[in-house]
Amino acid sequence: MYCIDNKEFPCSTSLTMKYIGGKWKAVILIHLTEKKRYSELRKELAMVTERTISLQLKELEADGLIKRTVFTTKPPLKVEYELTDFGKTAIPLLNEMAKWGKVTAENNKKIMKTKISK
C-alpha cells in the first residue's frame, strides 16, 4: 500500500497512473520534452480541445510534473511550459510505452503514416 497526499494506492502502478493516467497527460509530457509556449502545444495537439489541454496542464502542474512560466511582456502575454526534474523522470517510461504501442500497432497491421513524430 502506498500513501501520497492522504490518498492510498494499492500498488505502485496505480500511483504511477495517478500522475500520468488519462488520455492526454502522457502525450502532453512527451510534447514537453522541449520547453513550449501554450500556442505551440495547442498546435501540436490540435485534436484535443482547449479546455482539455488547460485542465490537463493544471493537473500536471499541481502534481509537480511541469512548470508554468508567465512572461508579462506587453503585448502579448507569453506562457511557457516545461518539464520539472520530477517530470523528466517519467520520460523513459513514456518512451517505453511509445515503443510498446508502435510494436503492438505494427503486429496488428494497424499503423498509419502521419506527420506526428514524437
PDB file of N, CA and C in Angstrom:
ATOM      1  N   MET A   1       0.854  -1.179   0.000  1.00  0.00           N
ATOM      2  CA  MET A   1       0.000   0.000   0.000  1.00  0.00           C
ATOM      3  C   MET A   1       0.898   1.240   0.000  1.00  0.00           C
ATOM      4  N   TYR A   2       0.521   2.214  -0.809  1.00  0.00           N
ATOM      5  CA  TYR A   2       1.254   3.470  -0.894  1.00  0.00           C
ATOM      6  C   TYR A   2       0.316   4.606  -0.518  1.00  0.00           C
ATOM      7  N   CYS A   3       0.869   5.641   0.104  1.00  0.00           N
ATOM      8  CA  CYS A   3       0.047   6.777   0.510  1.00  0.00           C
ATOM      9  C   CYS A   3       0.766   8.069   0.148  1.00  0.00           C
ATOM     10  N   ILE A   4       0.118   8.887  -0.654  1.00  0.00           N
ATOM     11  CA  ILE A   4       0.648  10.200  -1.032  1.00  0.00           C
ATOM     12  C   ILE A   4      -0.493  11.197  -0.938  1.00  0.00           C
ATOM     13  N   ASP A   5      -0.229  12.331  -0.307  1.00  0.00           N
ATOM     14  CA  ASP A   5      -1.241  13.385  -0.135  1.00  0.00           C
ATOM     15  C   ASP A   5      -2.531  12.837   0.467  1.00  0.00           C
ATOM     16  N   ASN A   6      -2.385  11.981   1.453  1.00  0.00           N
ATOM     17  CA  ASN A   6      -3.522  11.372   2.147  1.00  0.00           C
ATOM     18  C   ASN A   6      -4.409  10.513   1.249  1.00  0.00           C
ATOM     19  N   LYS A   7      -3.887  10.084   0.119  1.00  0.00           N
ATOM     20  CA  LYS A   7      -4.611   9.167  -0.762  1.00  0.00           C
ATOM     21  C   LYS A   7      -3.856   7.846  -0.772  1.00  0.00           C
ATOM     22  N   GLU A   8      -4.607   6.773  -0.673  1.00  0.00           N
ATOM     23  CA  GLU A   8      -3.990   5.450  -0.665  1.00  0.00           C
ATOM     24  C   GLU A   8      -4.045   4.820  -2.058  1.00  0.00           C
ATOM     25  N   PHE A   9      -2.974   4.131  -2.398  1.00  0.00           N
ATOM     26  CA  PHE A   9      -2.865   3.444  -3.675  1.00  0.00           C
ATOM     27  C   PHE A   9      -2.502   1.994  -3.393  1.00  0.00           C
ATOM     28  N   PRO A  10      -3.225   1.043  -3.972  1.00  0.00           N
ATOM     29  CA  PRO A  10      -2.984  -0.368  -3.674  1.00  0.00           C
ATOM     30  C   PRO A  10      -1.662  -0.906  -4.209  1.00  0.00           C
ATOM     31  N   CYS A  11      -1.107  -0.229  -5.229  1.00  0.00           N
ATOM     32  CA  CYS A  11       0.157  -0.696  -5.800  1.00  0.00           C
ATOM     33  C   CYS A  11       0.869   0.471  -6.471  1.00  0.00           C
ATOM     34  N   SER A  12       2.126   0.256  -6.820  1.00  0.00           N
ATOM     35  CA  SER A  12       2.905   1.326  -7.444  1.00  0.00           C
ATOM     36  C   SER A  12       2.374   1.694  -8.830  1.00  0.00           C
ATOM     37  N   THR A  13       1.760   0.744  -9.523  1.00  0.00           N
ATOM     38  CA  THR A  13       1.187   1.043 -10.842  1.00  0.00           C
ATOM     39  C   THR A  13       0.039   2.041 -10.717  1.00  0.00           C
ATOM     40  N   SER A  14      -0.797   1.853  -9.724  1.00  0.00           N
ATOM     41  CA  SER A  14      -1.916   2.798  -9.541  1.00  0.00           C
ATOM     42  C   SER A  14      -1.387   4.178  -9.158  1.00  0.00           C
ATOM     43  N   LEU A  15      -0.296   4.218  -8.414  1.00  0.00           N
ATOM     44  CA  LEU A  15       0.327   5.503  -8.069  1.00  0.00           C
ATOM     45  C   LEU A  15       0.876   6.174  -9.328  1.00  0.00           C
ATOM     46  N   THR A  16       1.538   5.400 -10.177  1.00  0.00           N
ATOM     47  CA  THR A  16       2.050   5.935 -11.439  1.00  0.00           C
ATOM     48  C   THR A  16       0.916   6.505 -12.281  1.00  0.00           C
ATOM     49  N   MET A  17      -0.187   5.792 -12.360  1.00  0.00           N
ATOM     50  CA  MET A  17      -1.318   6.246 -13.171  1.00  0.00           C
ATOM     51  C   MET A  17      -1.963   7.509 -12.603  1.00  0.00           C
ATOM     52  N   LYS A  18      -1.807   7.748 -11.309  1.00  0.00           N
ATOM     53  CA  LYS A  18      -2.304   8.999 -10.729  1.00  0.00           C
ATOM     54  C   LYS A  18      -1.620  10.188 -11.412  1.00  0.00           C
ATOM     55  N   TYR A  19      -0.338  10.020 -11.728  1.00  0.00           N
ATOM     56  CA  TYR A  19       0.433  11.102 -12.322  1.00  0.00           C
ATOM     57  C   TYR A  19       0.310  11.178 -13.846  1.00  0.00           C
ATOM     58  N   ILE A  20       0.321  10.042 -14.526  1.00  0.00           N
ATOM     59  CA  ILE A  20       0.353  10.079 -15.993  1.00  0.00           C
ATOM     60  C   ILE A  20      -0.863   9.442 -16.640  1.00  0.00           C
ATOM     61  N   GLY A  21      -1.841   9.030 -15.832  1.00  0.00           N
ATOM     62  CA  GLY A  21      -3.024   8.369 -16.374  1.00  0.00           C
ATOM     63  C   GLY A  21      -3.935   9.344 -17.107  1.00  0.00           C
ATOM     64  N   GLY A  22      -4.860   8.780 -17.839  1.00  0.00           N
ATOM     65  CA  GLY A  22      -5.773   9.596 -18.631  1.00  0.00           C
ATOM     66  C   GLY A  22      -5.328   9.600 -20.077  1.00  0.00           C
ATOM     67  N   LYS A  23      -6.161  10.151 -20.904  1.00  0.00           N
ATOM     68  CA  LYS A  23      -5.923  10.083 -22.343  1.00  0.00           C
ATOM     69  C   LYS A  23      -4.803  11.007 -22.826  1.00  0.00           C
ATOM     70  N   TRP A  24      -4.589  12.161 -22.181  1.00  0.00           N
ATOM     71  CA  TRP A  24      -3.688  13.155 -22.756  1.00  0.00           C
ATOM     72  C   TRP A  24      -2.470  13.525 -21.924  1.00  0.00           C
ATOM     73  N   LYS A  25      -2.413  13.164 -20.658  1.00  0.00           N
ATOM     74  CA  LYS A  25      -1.278  13.576 -19.833  1.00  0.00           C
ATOM     75  C   LYS A  25       0.049  13.072 -20.374  1.00  0.00           C
ATOM     76  N   ALA A  26       0.130  11.800 -20.710  1.00  0.00           N
ATOM     77  CA  ALA A  26       1.376  11.238 -21.230  1.00  0.00           C
ATOM     78  C   ALA A  26       1.766  11.913 -22.545  1.00  0.00           C
ATOM     79  N   VAL A  27       0.790  12.174 -23.383  1.00  0.00           N
ATOM     80  CA  VAL A  27       1.048  12.828 -24.676  1.00  0.00           C
ATOM     81  C   VAL A  27       1.588  14.234 -24.446  1.00  0.00           C
ATOM     82  N   ILE A  28       0.986  14.959 -23.531  1.00  0.00           N
ATOM     83  CA  ILE A  28       1.447  16.313 -23.225  1.00  0.00           C
ATOM     84  C   ILE A  28       2.874  16.271 -22.689  1.00  0.00           C
ATOM     85  N   LEU A  29       3.162  15.340 -21.792  1.00  0.00           N
ATOM     86  CA  LEU A  29       4.514  15.246 -21.233  1.00  0.00           C
ATOM     87  C   LEU A  29       5.554  14.979 -22.319  1.00  0.00           C
ATOM     88  N   ILE A  30       5.241  14.079 -23.243  1.00  0.00           N
ATOM     89  CA  ILE A  30       6.177  13.792 -24.343  1.00  0.00           C
ATOM     90  C   ILE A  30       6.401  15.041 -25.198  1.00  0.00           C
ATOM     91  N   HIS A  31       5.347  15.797 -25.448  1.00  0.00           N
ATOM     92  CA  HIS A  31       5.481  17.022 -26.242  1.00  0.00           C
ATOM     93  C   HIS A  31       6.274  18.091 -25.497  1.00  0.00           C
ATOM     94  N   LEU A  32       6.346  17.984 -24.183  1.00  0.00           N
ATOM     95  CA  LEU A  32       7.078  18.979 -23.401  1.00  0.00           C
ATOM     96  C   LEU A  32       8.512  18.555 -23.078  1.00  0.00           C
ATOM     97  N   THR A  33       9.047  17.591 -23.824  1.00  0.00           N
ATOM     98  CA  THR A  33      10.465  17.267 -23.622  1.00  0.00           C
ATOM     99  C   THR A  33      11.321  18.477 -23.996  1.00  0.00           C
ATOM    100  N   GLU A  34      10.740  19.382 -24.765  1.00  0.00           N
ATOM    101  CA  GLU A  34      11.345  20.683 -25.040  1.00  0.00           C
ATOM    102  C   GLU A  34      10.381  21.742 -24.536  1.00  0.00           C
ATOM    103  N   LYS A  35      10.906  22.821 -23.984  1.00  0.00           N
ATOM    104  CA  LYS A  35      10.077  23.918 -23.492  1.00  0.00           C
ATOM    105  C   LYS A  35       9.193  24.430 -24.631  1.00  0.00           C
ATOM    106  N   LYS A  36       7.921  24.659 -24.326  1.00  0.00           N
ATOM    107  CA  LYS A  36       6.983  25.111 -25.364  1.00  0.00           C
ATOM    108  C   LYS A  36       6.069  26.214 -24.845  1.00  0.00           C
ATOM    109  N   ARG A  37       5.714  27.094 -25.749  1.00  0.00           N
ATOM    110  CA  ARG A  37       4.663  28.067 -25.453  1.00  0.00           C
ATOM    111  C   ARG A  37       3.325  27.345 -25.566  1.00  0.00           C
ATOM    112  N   TYR A  38       2.321  27.889 -24.893  1.00  0.00           N
ATOM    113  CA  TYR A  38       0.997  27.271 -24.942  1.00  0.00           C
ATOM    114  C   TYR A  38       0.523  27.153 -26.385  1.00  0.00           C
ATOM    115  N   SER A  39       0.729  28.205 -27.179  1.00  0.00           N
ATOM    116  CA  SER A  39       0.260  28.185 -28.568  1.00  0.00           C
ATOM    117  C   SER A  39       0.930  27.078 -29.388  1.00  0.00           C
ATOM    118  N   GLU A  40       2.192  26.801 -29.131  1.00  0.00           N
ATOM    119  CA  GLU A  40       2.893  25.719 -29.827  1.00  0.00           C
ATOM    120  C   GLU A  40       2.294  24.364 -29.447  1.00  0.00           C
ATOM    121  N   LEU A  41       2.078  24.198 -28.155  1.00  0.00           N
ATOM    122  CA  LEU A  41       1.488  22.953 -27.665  1.00  0.00           C
ATOM    123  C   LEU A  41       0.094  22.762 -28.240  1.00  0.00           C
ATOM    124  N   ARG A  42      -0.660  23.823 -28.282  1.00  0.00           N
ATOM    125  CA  ARG A  42      -2.030  23.798 -28.819  1.00  0.00           C
ATOM    126  C   ARG A  42      -2.031  23.342 -30.284  1.00  0.00           C
ATOM    127  N   LYS A  43      -1.089  23.857 -31.081  1.00  0.00           N
ATOM    128  CA  LYS A  43      -0.992  23.469 -32.497  1.00  0.00           C
ATOM    129  C   LYS A  43      -0.632  21.991 -32.641  1.00  0.00           C
ATOM    130  N   GLU A  44       0.285  21.523 -31.807  1.00  0.00           N
ATOM    131  CA  GLU A  44       0.709  20.124 -31.879  1.00  0.00           C
ATOM    132  C   GLU A  44      -0.388  19.163 -31.441  1.00  0.00           C
ATOM    133  N   LEU A  45      -1.297  19.641 -30.601  1.00  0.00           N
ATOM    134  CA  LEU A  45      -2.387  18.803 -30.093  1.00  0.00           C
ATOM    135  C   LEU A  45      -3.728  19.323 -30.603  1.00  0.00           C
ATOM    136  N   ALA A  46      -3.784  19.595 -31.883  1.00  0.00           N
ATOM    137  CA  ALA A  46      -4.979  20.195 -32.486  1.00  0.00           C
ATOM    138  C   ALA A  46      -6.241  19.350 -32.304  1.00  0.00           C
ATOM    139  N   MET A  47      -6.061  18.043 -32.137  1.00  0.00           N
ATOM    140  CA  MET A  47      -7.221  17.152 -31.988  1.00  0.00           C
ATOM    141  C   MET A  47      -7.811  17.186 -30.580  1.00  0.00           C
ATOM    142  N   VAL A  48      -7.142  17.880 -29.661  1.00  0.00           N
ATOM    143  CA  VAL A  48      -7.578  17.964 -28.271  1.00  0.00           C
ATOM    144  C   VAL A  48      -8.210  19.334 -28.038  1.00  0.00           C
ATOM    145  N   THR A  49      -9.323  19.361 -27.316  1.00  0.00           N
ATOM    146  CA  THR A  49      -9.976  20.652 -27.066  1.00  0.00           C
ATOM    147  C   THR A  49      -9.107  21.521 -26.165  1.00  0.00           C
ATOM    148  N   GLU A  50      -9.266  22.818 -26.297  1.00  0.00           N
ATOM    149  CA  GLU A  50      -8.524  23.765 -25.467  1.00  0.00           C
ATOM    150  C   GLU A  50      -8.807  23.540 -23.988  1.00  0.00           C
ATOM    151  N   ARG A  51     -10.047  23.281 -23.677  1.00  0.00           N
ATOM    152  CA  ARG A  51     -10.446  23.048 -22.289  1.00  0.00           C
ATOM    153  C   ARG A  51      -9.715  21.838 -21.707  1.00  0.00           C
ATOM    154  N   THR A  52      -9.642  20.767 -22.486  1.00  0.00           N
ATOM    155  CA  THR A  52      -8.970  19.559 -22.026  1.00  0.00           C
ATOM    156  C   THR A  52      -7.483  19.811 -21.818  1.00  0.00           C
ATOM    157  N   ILE A  53      -6.842  20.482 -22.767  1.00  0.00           N
ATOM    158  CA  ILE A  53      -5.415  20.792 -22.620  1.00  0.00           C
ATOM    159  C   ILE A  53      -5.189  21.624 -21.358  1.00  0.00           C
ATOM    160  N   SER A  54      -6.005  22.642 -21.161  1.00  0.00           N
ATOM    161  CA  SER A  54      -5.861  23.502 -19.988  1.00  0.00           C
ATOM    162  C   SER A  54      -6.018  22.721 -18.686  1.00  0.00           C
ATOM    163  N   LEU A  55      -7.032  21.858 -18.622  1.00  0.00           N
ATOM    164  CA  LEU A  55      -7.250  21.061 -17.413  1.00  0.00           C
ATOM    165  C   LEU A  55      -6.090  20.112 -17.151  1.00  0.00           C
ATOM    166  N   GLN A  56      -5.606  19.452 -18.201  1.00  0.00           N
ATOM    167  CA  GLN A  56      -4.505  18.518 -18.040  1.00  0.00           C
ATOM    168  C   GLN A  56      -3.225  19.239 -17.616  1.00  0.00           C
ATOM    169  N   LEU A  57      -2.973  20.414 -18.198  1.00  0.00           N
ATOM    170  CA  LEU A  57      -1.803  21.199 -17.816  1.00  0.00           C
ATOM    171  C   LEU A  57      -1.877  21.609 -16.346  1.00  0.00           C
ATOM    172  N   LYS A  58      -3.050  22.006 -15.895  1.00  0.00           N
ATOM    173  CA  LYS A  58      -3.218  22.394 -14.485  1.00  0.00           C
ATOM    174  C   LYS A  58      -2.956  21.216 -13.560  1.00  0.00           C
ATOM    175  N   GLU A  59      -3.447  20.035 -13.934  1.00  0.00           N
ATOM    176  CA  GLU A  59      -3.225  18.844 -13.110  1.00  0.00           C
ATOM    177  C   GLU A  59      -1.748  18.456 -13.095  1.00  0.00           C
ATOM    178  N   LEU A  60      -1.101  18.501 -14.258  1.00  0.00           N
ATOM    179  CA  LEU A  60       0.318  18.168 -14.331  1.00  0.00           C
ATOM    180  C   LEU A  60       1.160  19.156 -13.525  1.00  0.00           C
ATOM    181  N   GLU A  61       0.775  20.416 -13.555  1.00  0.00           N
ATOM    182  CA  GLU A  61       1.483  21.431 -12.763  1.00  0.00           C
ATOM    183  C   GLU A  61       1.252  21.201 -11.263  1.00  0.00           C
ATOM    184  N   ALA A  62       0.016  20.941 -10.888  1.00  0.00           N
ATOM    185  CA  ALA A  62      -0.310  20.692  -9.479  1.00  0.00           C
ATOM    186  C   ALA A  62       0.426  19.467  -8.941  1.00  0.00           C
ATOM    187  N   ASP A  63       0.652  18.469  -9.798  1.00  0.00           N
ATOM    188  CA  ASP A  63       1.359  17.252  -9.396  1.00  0.00           C
ATOM    189  C   ASP A  63       2.882  17.411  -9.464  1.00  0.00           C
ATOM    190  N   GLY A  64       3.347  18.572  -9.907  1.00  0.00           N
ATOM    191  CA  GLY A  64       4.779  18.846  -9.926  1.00  0.00           C
ATOM    192  C   GLY A  64       5.538  18.285 -11.108  1.00  0.00           C
ATOM    193  N   LEU A  65       4.816  17.875 -12.166  1.00  0.00           N
ATOM    194  CA  LEU A  65       5.475  17.312 -13.346  1.00  0.00           C
ATOM    195  C   LEU A  65       5.907  18.375 -14.354  1.00  0.00           C
ATOM    196  N   ILE A  66       5.195  19.484 -14.380  1.00  0.00           N
ATOM    197  CA  ILE A  66       5.543  20.565 -15.300  1.00  0.00           C
ATOM    198  C   ILE A  66       5.592  21.889 -14.545  1.00  0.00           C
ATOM    199  N   LYS A  67       6.294  22.824 -15.161  1.00  0.00           N
ATOM    200  CA  LYS A  67       6.410  24.173 -14.616  1.00  0.00           C
ATOM    201  C   LYS A  67       5.807  25.140 -15.628  1.00  0.00           C
ATOM    202  N   ARG A  68       5.018  26.067 -15.139  1.00  0.00           N
ATOM    203  CA  ARG A  68       4.388  27.093 -15.979  1.00  0.00           C
ATOM    204  C   ARG A  68       5.042  28.424 -15.665  1.00  0.00           C
ATOM    205  N   THR A  69       5.518  29.099 -16.710  1.00  0.00           N
ATOM    206  CA  THR A  69       6.145  30.405 -16.536  1.00  0.00           C
ATOM    207  C   THR A  69       5.368  31.423 -17.352  1.00  0.00           C
ATOM    208  N   VAL A  70       4.963  32.506 -16.697  1.00  0.00           N
ATOM    209  CA  VAL A  70       4.219  33.572 -17.361  1.00  0.00           C
ATOM    210  C   VAL A  70       5.144  34.764 -17.527  1.00  0.00           C
ATOM    211  N   PHE A  71       5.260  35.235 -18.762  1.00  0.00           N
ATOM    212  CA  PHE A  71       6.033  36.430 -19.068  1.00  0.00           C
ATOM    213  C   PHE A  71       5.045  37.549 -19.338  1.00  0.00           C
ATOM    214  N   THR A  72       5.148  38.620 -18.602  1.00  0.00           N
ATOM    215  CA  THR A  72       4.173  39.710 -18.728  1.00  0.00           C
ATOM    216  C   THR A  72       4.691  40.819 -19.642  1.00  0.00           C
ATOM    217  N   THR A  73       5.290  40.418 -20.733  1.00  0.00           N
ATOM    218  CA  THR A  73       5.729  41.391 -21.724  1.00  0.00           C
ATOM    219  C   THR A  73       4.507  41.983 -22.392  1.00  0.00           C
ATOM    220  N   LYS A  74       4.605  43.210 -22.821  1.00  0.00           N
ATOM    221  CA  LYS A  74       3.453  43.865 -23.453  1.00  0.00           C
ATOM    222  C   LYS A  74       3.767  44.132 -24.901  1.00  0.00           C
ATOM    223  N   PRO A  75       2.830  43.930 -25.780  1.00  0.00           N
ATOM    224  CA  PRO A  75       1.961  42.769 -25.814  1.00  0.00           C
ATOM    225  C   PRO A  75       2.692  41.603 -26.432  1.00  0.00           C
ATOM    226  N   PRO A  76       2.239  40.441 -26.485  1.00  0.00           N
ATOM    227  CA  PRO A  76       1.160  39.840 -25.727  1.00  0.00           C
ATOM    228  C   PRO A  76       1.709  39.096 -24.510  1.00  0.00           C
ATOM    229  N   LEU A  77       0.822  38.577 -23.722  1.00  0.00           N
ATOM    230  CA  LEU A  77       1.187  37.735 -22.591  1.00  0.00           C
ATOM    231  C   LEU A  77       1.772  36.433 -23.145  1.00  0.00           C
ATOM    232  N   LYS A  78       2.861  35.984 -22.586  1.00  0.00           N
ATOM    233  CA  LYS A  78       3.508  34.759 -23.073  1.00  0.00           C
ATOM    234  C   LYS A  78       3.560  33.752 -21.922  1.00  0.00           C
ATOM    235  N   VAL A  79       3.115  32.520 -22.193  1.00  0.00           N
ATOM    236  CA  VAL A  79       3.140  31.451 -21.203  1.00  0.00           C
ATOM    237  C   VAL A  79       3.930  30.286 -21.776  1.00  0.00           C
ATOM    238  N   GLU A  80       4.895  29.794 -21.002  1.00  0.00           N
ATOM    239  CA  GLU A  80       5.686  28.651 -21.419  1.00  0.00           C
ATOM    240  C   GLU A  80       5.523  27.518 -20.420  1.00  0.00           C
ATOM    241  N   TYR A  81       5.620  26.305 -20.940  1.00  0.00           N
ATOM    242  CA  TYR A  81       5.544  25.111 -20.110  1.00  0.00           C
ATOM    243  C   TYR A  81       6.801  24.295 -20.351  1.00  0.00           C
ATOM    244  N   GLU A  82       7.298  23.687 -19.266  1.00  0.00           N
ATOM    245  CA  GLU A  82       8.454  22.799 -19.381  1.00  0.00           C
ATOM    246  C   GLU A  82       8.370  21.747 -18.292  1.00  0.00           C
ATOM    247  N   LEU A  83       9.076  20.656 -18.515  1.00  0.00           N
ATOM    248  CA  LEU A  83       9.115  19.590 -17.528  1.00  0.00           C
ATOM    249  C   LEU A  83       9.936  20.022 -16.320  1.00  0.00           C
ATOM    250  N   THR A  84       9.519  19.614 -15.150  1.00  0.00           N
ATOM    251  CA  THR A  84      10.335  19.774 -13.954  1.00  0.00           C
ATOM    252  C   THR A  84      11.308  18.595 -13.913  1.00  0.00           C
ATOM    253  N   ASP A  85      12.220  18.611 -12.953  1.00  0.00           N
ATOM    254  CA  ASP A  85      13.113  17.468 -12.799  1.00  0.00           C
ATOM    255  C   ASP A  85      12.299  16.201 -12.534  1.00  0.00           C
ATOM    256  N   PHE A  86      11.254  16.333 -11.731  1.00  0.00           N
ATOM    257  CA  PHE A  86      10.375  15.201 -11.454  1.00  0.00           C
ATOM    258  C   PHE A  86       9.687  14.738 -12.738  1.00  0.00           C
ATOM    259  N   GLY A  87       9.206  15.666 -13.543  1.00  0.00           N
ATOM    260  CA  GLY A  87       8.553  15.326 -14.806  1.00  0.00           C
ATOM    261  C   GLY A  87       9.483  14.606 -15.763  1.00  0.00           C
ATOM    262  N   LYS A  88      10.750  15.010 -15.762  1.00  0.00           N
ATOM    263  CA  LYS A  88      11.738  14.363 -16.644  1.00  0.00           C
ATOM    264  C   LYS A  88      11.934  12.894 -16.304  1.00  0.00           C
ATOM    265  N   THR A  89      11.684  12.518 -15.048  1.00  0.00           N
ATOM    266  CA  THR A  89      11.849  11.110 -14.671  1.00  0.00           C
ATOM    267  C   THR A  89      10.809  10.213 -15.321  1.00  0.00           C
ATOM    268  N   ALA A  90       9.712  10.786 -15.807  1.00  0.00           N
ATOM    269  CA  ALA A  90       8.662   9.996 -16.459  1.00  0.00           C
ATOM    270  C   ALA A  90       8.974   9.706 -17.929  1.00  0.00           C
ATOM    271  N   ILE A  91       9.884  10.446 -18.537  1.00  0.00           N
ATOM    272  CA  ILE A  91      10.141  10.326 -19.973  1.00  0.00           C
ATOM    273  C   ILE A  91      10.641   8.933 -20.378  1.00  0.00           C
ATOM    274  N   PRO A  92      11.580   8.313 -19.671  1.00  0.00           N
ATOM    275  CA  PRO A  92      11.976   6.954 -20.079  1.00  0.00           C
ATOM    276  C   PRO A  92      10.796   5.976 -20.072  1.00  0.00           C
ATOM    277  N   LEU A  93       9.945   6.087 -19.090  1.00  0.00           N
ATOM    278  CA  LEU A  93       8.747   5.237 -19.026  1.00  0.00           C
ATOM    279  C   LEU A  93       7.832   5.509 -20.225  1.00  0.00           C
ATOM    280  N   LEU A  94       7.608   6.772 -20.530  1.00  0.00           N
ATOM    281  CA  LEU A  94       6.732   7.138 -21.646  1.00  0.00           C
ATOM    282  C   LEU A  94       7.334   6.692 -22.980  1.00  0.00           C
ATOM    283  N   ASN A  95       8.653   6.785 -23.114  1.00  0.00           N
ATOM    284  CA  ASN A  95       9.305   6.299 -24.340  1.00  0.00           C
ATOM    285  C   ASN A  95       9.107   4.795 -24.508  1.00  0.00           C
ATOM    286  N   GLU A  96       9.204   4.051 -23.419  1.00  0.00           N
ATOM    287  CA  GLU A  96       8.970   2.605 -23.481  1.00  0.00           C
ATOM    288  C   GLU A  96       7.514   2.306 -23.837  1.00  0.00           C
ATOM    289  N   MET A  97       6.594   3.084 -23.291  1.00  0.00           N
ATOM    290  CA  MET A  97       5.179   2.905 -23.636  1.00  0.00           C
ATOM    291  C   MET A  97       4.960   3.167 -25.117  1.00  0.00           C
ATOM    292  N   ALA A  98       5.633   4.191 -25.656  1.00  0.00           N
ATOM    293  CA  ALA A  98       5.504   4.508 -27.082  1.00  0.00           C
ATOM    294  C   ALA A  98       6.036   3.366 -27.944  1.00  0.00           C
ATOM    295  N   LYS A  99       7.179   2.789 -27.546  1.00  0.00           N
ATOM    296  CA  LYS A  99       7.731   1.647 -28.285  1.00  0.00           C
ATOM    297  C   LYS A  99       6.764   0.471 -28.271  1.00  0.00           C
ATOM    298  N   TRP A 100       6.201   0.191 -27.116  1.00  0.00           N
ATOM    299  CA  TRP A 100       5.244  -0.906 -26.983  1.00  0.00           C
ATOM    300  C   TRP A 100       4.030  -0.664 -27.881  1.00  0.00           C
ATOM    301  N   GLY A 101       3.533   0.569 -27.890  1.00  0.00           N
ATOM    302  CA  GLY A 101       2.394   0.900 -28.735  1.00  0.00           C
ATOM    303  C   GLY A 101       2.702   0.738 -30.213  1.00  0.00           C
ATOM    304  N   LYS A 102       3.906   1.141 -30.616  1.00  0.00           N
ATOM    305  CA  LYS A 102       4.302   1.007 -32.024  1.00  0.00           C
ATOM    306  C   LYS A 102       4.395  -0.466 -32.424  1.00  0.00           C
ATOM    307  N   VAL A 103       5.015  -1.280 -31.588  1.00  0.00           N
ATOM    308  CA  VAL A 103       5.125  -2.713 -31.876  1.00  0.00           C
ATOM    309  C   VAL A 103       3.735  -3.346 -31.938  1.00  0.00           C
ATOM    310  N   THR A 104       2.880  -2.979 -31.011  1.00  0.00           N
ATOM    311  CA  THR A 104       1.515  -3.515 -30.996  1.00  0.00           C
ATOM    312  C   THR A 104       0.775  -3.146 -32.271  1.00  0.00           C
ATOM    313  N   ALA A 105       0.891  -1.880 -32.688  1.00  0.00           N
ATOM    314  CA  ALA A 105       0.221  -1.437 -33.917  1.00  0.00           C
ATOM    315  C   ALA A 105       0.784  -2.167 -35.139  1.00  0.00           C
ATOM    316  N   GLU A 106       2.109  -2.293 -35.200  1.00  0.00           N
ATOM    317  CA  GLU A 106       2.725  -2.977 -36.346  1.00  0.00           C
ATOM    318  C   GLU A 106       2.325  -4.446 -36.390  1.00  0.00           C
ATOM    319  N   ASN A 107       2.275  -5.085 -35.232  1.00  0.00           N
ATOM    320  CA  ASN A 107       1.886  -6.503 -35.176  1.00  0.00           C
ATOM    321  C   ASN A 107       0.435  -6.705 -35.590  1.00  0.00           C
ATOM    322  N   ASN A 108      -0.370  -5.702 -35.396  1.00  0.00           N
ATOM    323  CA  ASN A 108      -1.779  -5.792 -35.773  1.00  0.00           C
ATOM    324  C   ASN A 108      -2.053  -5.139 -37.124  1.00  0.00           C
ATOM    325  N   LYS A 109      -0.990  -4.714 -37.796  1.00  0.00           N
ATOM    326  CA  LYS A 109      -1.092  -4.086 -39.122  1.00  0.00           C
ATOM    327  C   LYS A 109      -2.066  -2.902 -39.121  1.00  0.00           C
ATOM    328  N   LYS A 110      -2.040  -2.146 -38.059  1.00  0.00           N
ATOM    329  CA  LYS A 110      -2.952  -1.010 -37.940  1.00  0.00           C
ATOM    330  C   LYS A 110      -2.178   0.278 -37.711  1.00  0.00           C
ATOM    331  N   ILE A 111      -1.080   0.433 -38.429  1.00  0.00           N
ATOM    332  CA  ILE A 111      -0.283   1.641 -38.270  1.00  0.00           C
ATOM    333  C   ILE A 111      -0.500   2.541 -39.480  1.00  0.00           C
ATOM    334  N   MET A 112      -0.610   3.817 -39.228  1.00  0.00           N
ATOM    335  CA  MET A 112      -0.797   4.790 -40.308  1.00  0.00           C
ATOM    336  C   MET A 112       0.392   5.729 -40.302  1.00  0.00           C
ATOM    337  N   LYS A 113       0.793   6.148 -41.449  1.00  0.00           N
ATOM    338  CA  LYS A 113       1.869   7.104 -41.551  1.00  0.00           C
ATOM    339  C   LYS A 113       1.260   8.505 -41.378  1.00  0.00           C
ATOM    340  N   THR A 114       1.774   9.240 -40.386  1.00  0.00           N
ATOM    341  CA  THR A 114       1.283  10.602 -40.134  1.00  0.00           C
ATOM    342  C   THR A 114       2.465  11.535 -39.932  1.00  0.00           C
ATOM    343  N   LYS A 115       2.159  12.804 -39.741  1.00  0.00           N
ATOM    344  CA  LYS A 115       3.186  13.808 -39.518  1.00  0.00           C
ATOM    345  C   LYS A 115       3.695  13.800 -38.080  1.00  0.00           C
ATOM    346  N   ILE A 116       2.962  13.199 -37.168  1.00  0.00           N
ATOM    347  CA  ILE A 116       3.361  13.174 -35.761  1.00  0.00           C
ATOM    348  C   ILE A 116       4.588  12.295 -35.620  1.00  0.00           C
ATOM    349  N   SER A 117       5.649  12.822 -35.068  1.00  0.00           N
ATOM    350  CA  SER A 117       6.895  12.058 -34.983  1.00  0.00           C
ATOM    351  C   SER A 117       7.430  11.990 -33.553  1.00  0.00           C
ATOM    352  N   LYS A 118       6.593  12.088 -32.571  1.00  0.00           N
ATOM    353  CA  LYS A 118       7.054  12.050 -31.168  1.00  0.00           C
ATOM    354  C   LYS A 118       7.108  10.652 -30.654  1.00  0.00           C
TER     355      LYS A 118
END
